[in-house]
């Protein structure tokens, strides 16, 4: 089994997005469990090395660990009913 490595992940939740670091065996493993996450190969131009280090300290996740932080947002969005639009009165 391959060893885990760090991946930079983003989650777009409609009105914005959040970032985190996911420790996993592959991009495909992340996509199979959290298809909502986008895995990027390089940090966006605006993401400084300080911001990346803060992500490692504040939003570092292991694929085999219990979900928390941004992963809780993903799971909550999965549970919430989807907006079907406004109904006419």
Protein backbone atom coordinates (compact mmCIF):
# COMPACT_ATOMS: atom_id res chain seq x y z
CA UNK A 1 0.00 0.00 0.00
CA UNK A 2 1.44 3.42 -0.91
CA UNK A 3 2.55 5.75 1.82
CA UNK A 4 0.49 8.82 2.56
CA UNK A 5 1.49 12.24 1.34
CA UNK A 6 0.16 15.75 1.77
CA UNK A 7 -2.30 17.19 -0.71
CA UNK A 8 -3.63 20.74 -0.81
CA UNK A 9 -7.41 20.59 -1.01
CA UNK A 10 -10.12 23.18 -1.48
CA UNK A 11 -13.85 23.13 -0.85
CA UNK A 12 -16.16 25.53 -2.68
CA UNK A 13 -19.34 25.89 -0.66
CA UNK A 14 -21.30 28.32 -2.80
CA UNK A 15 -20.50 31.69 -1.26
CA UNK A 16 -16.80 31.12 -0.95
CA UNK A 17 -14.25 28.44 -0.36
CA UNK A 18 -11.96 27.01 2.27
CA UNK A 19 -8.65 25.23 2.09
CA UNK A 20 -6.96 22.44 3.97
CA UNK A 21 -4.23 19.85 3.85
CA UNK A 22 -5.20 16.19 3.43
CA UNK A 23 -2.79 13.40 4.21
CA UNK A 24 -3.76 10.53 1.89
CA UNK A 25 -2.36 7.80 -0.33
CA UNK A 26 -3.56 9.40 -3.58
CA UNK A 27 -5.77 12.04 -5.15
CA UNK A 28 -8.15 9.25 -6.12
CA UNK A 29 -8.48 8.16 -2.50
CA UNK A 30 -9.49 11.70 -1.54
CA UNK A 31 -11.98 11.89 -4.42
CA UNK A 32 -13.56 8.56 -3.44
CA UNK A 33 -14.29 9.70 0.13
CA UNK A 34 -14.67 13.46 -0.35
CA UNK A 35 -15.64 14.06 -3.99
CA UNK A 36 -16.51 17.64 -3.04
CA UNK A 37 -12.84 18.47 -2.49
CA UNK A 38 -10.65 19.78 -5.26
CA UNK A 39 -7.04 18.61 -5.06
CA UNK A 40 -4.58 21.11 -6.49
CA UNK A 41 -1.00 20.41 -7.52
CA UNK A 42 0.28 23.90 -6.71
CA UNK A 43 -0.98 26.50 -4.24
CA UNK A 44 -2.85 29.40 -5.90
CA UNK A 45 -0.72 32.47 -6.59
CA UNK A 46 -2.35 34.37 -3.71
CA UNK A 47 -1.52 31.66 -1.12
CA UNK A 48 1.64 32.68 0.67
CA UNK A 49 4.01 30.22 2.31
CA UNK A 50 2.83 31.60 5.69
CA UNK A 51 -0.79 30.81 4.81
CA UNK A 52 0.19 27.31 3.69
CA UNK A 53 2.01 26.74 6.97
CA UNK A 54 -1.07 27.94 8.92
CA UNK A 55 -3.15 25.40 6.99
CA UNK A 56 -0.75 22.69 8.12
CA UNK A 57 -1.24 23.84 11.71
CA UNK A 58 -5.00 24.51 11.62
CA UNK A 59 -6.58 22.38 8.85
CA UNK A 60 -4.41 19.28 8.54
CA UNK A 61 -6.52 16.16 8.03
CA UNK A 62 -5.71 12.48 7.73
CA UNK A 63 -7.88 10.52 5.30
CA UNK A 64 -8.24 7.75 7.91
CA UNK A 65 -9.00 10.12 10.79
CA UNK A 66 -12.30 11.39 12.13
CA UNK A 67 -13.67 14.34 10.14
CA UNK A 68 -13.46 17.81 11.67
CA UNK A 69 -13.00 21.39 10.47
CA UNK A 70 -13.74 21.82 6.76
CA UNK A 71 -14.69 18.15 6.50
CA UNK A 72 -17.58 18.75 8.91
CA UNK A 73 -18.82 21.42 6.50
CA UNK A 74 -18.79 18.93 3.64
CA UNK A 75 -20.67 16.34 5.66
CA UNK A 76 -23.23 18.92 6.81
CA UNK A 77 -23.79 20.01 3.20
CA UNK A 78 -24.37 16.37 2.21
CA UNK A 79 -27.10 16.14 4.85
CA UNK A 80 -28.86 19.43 4.09
CA UNK A 81 -31.70 19.48 1.57
CA UNK A 82 -30.71 21.01 -1.72
CA UNK A 83 -32.26 24.36 -2.65
CA UNK A 84 -34.96 23.67 -5.22
CA UNK A 85 -35.53 27.35 -5.93
CA UNK A 86 -38.44 29.55 -4.93
CA UNK A 87 -41.95 28.26 -5.41
CA UNK A 88 -44.58 30.57 -6.86
CA UNK A 89 -47.19 31.71 -4.37
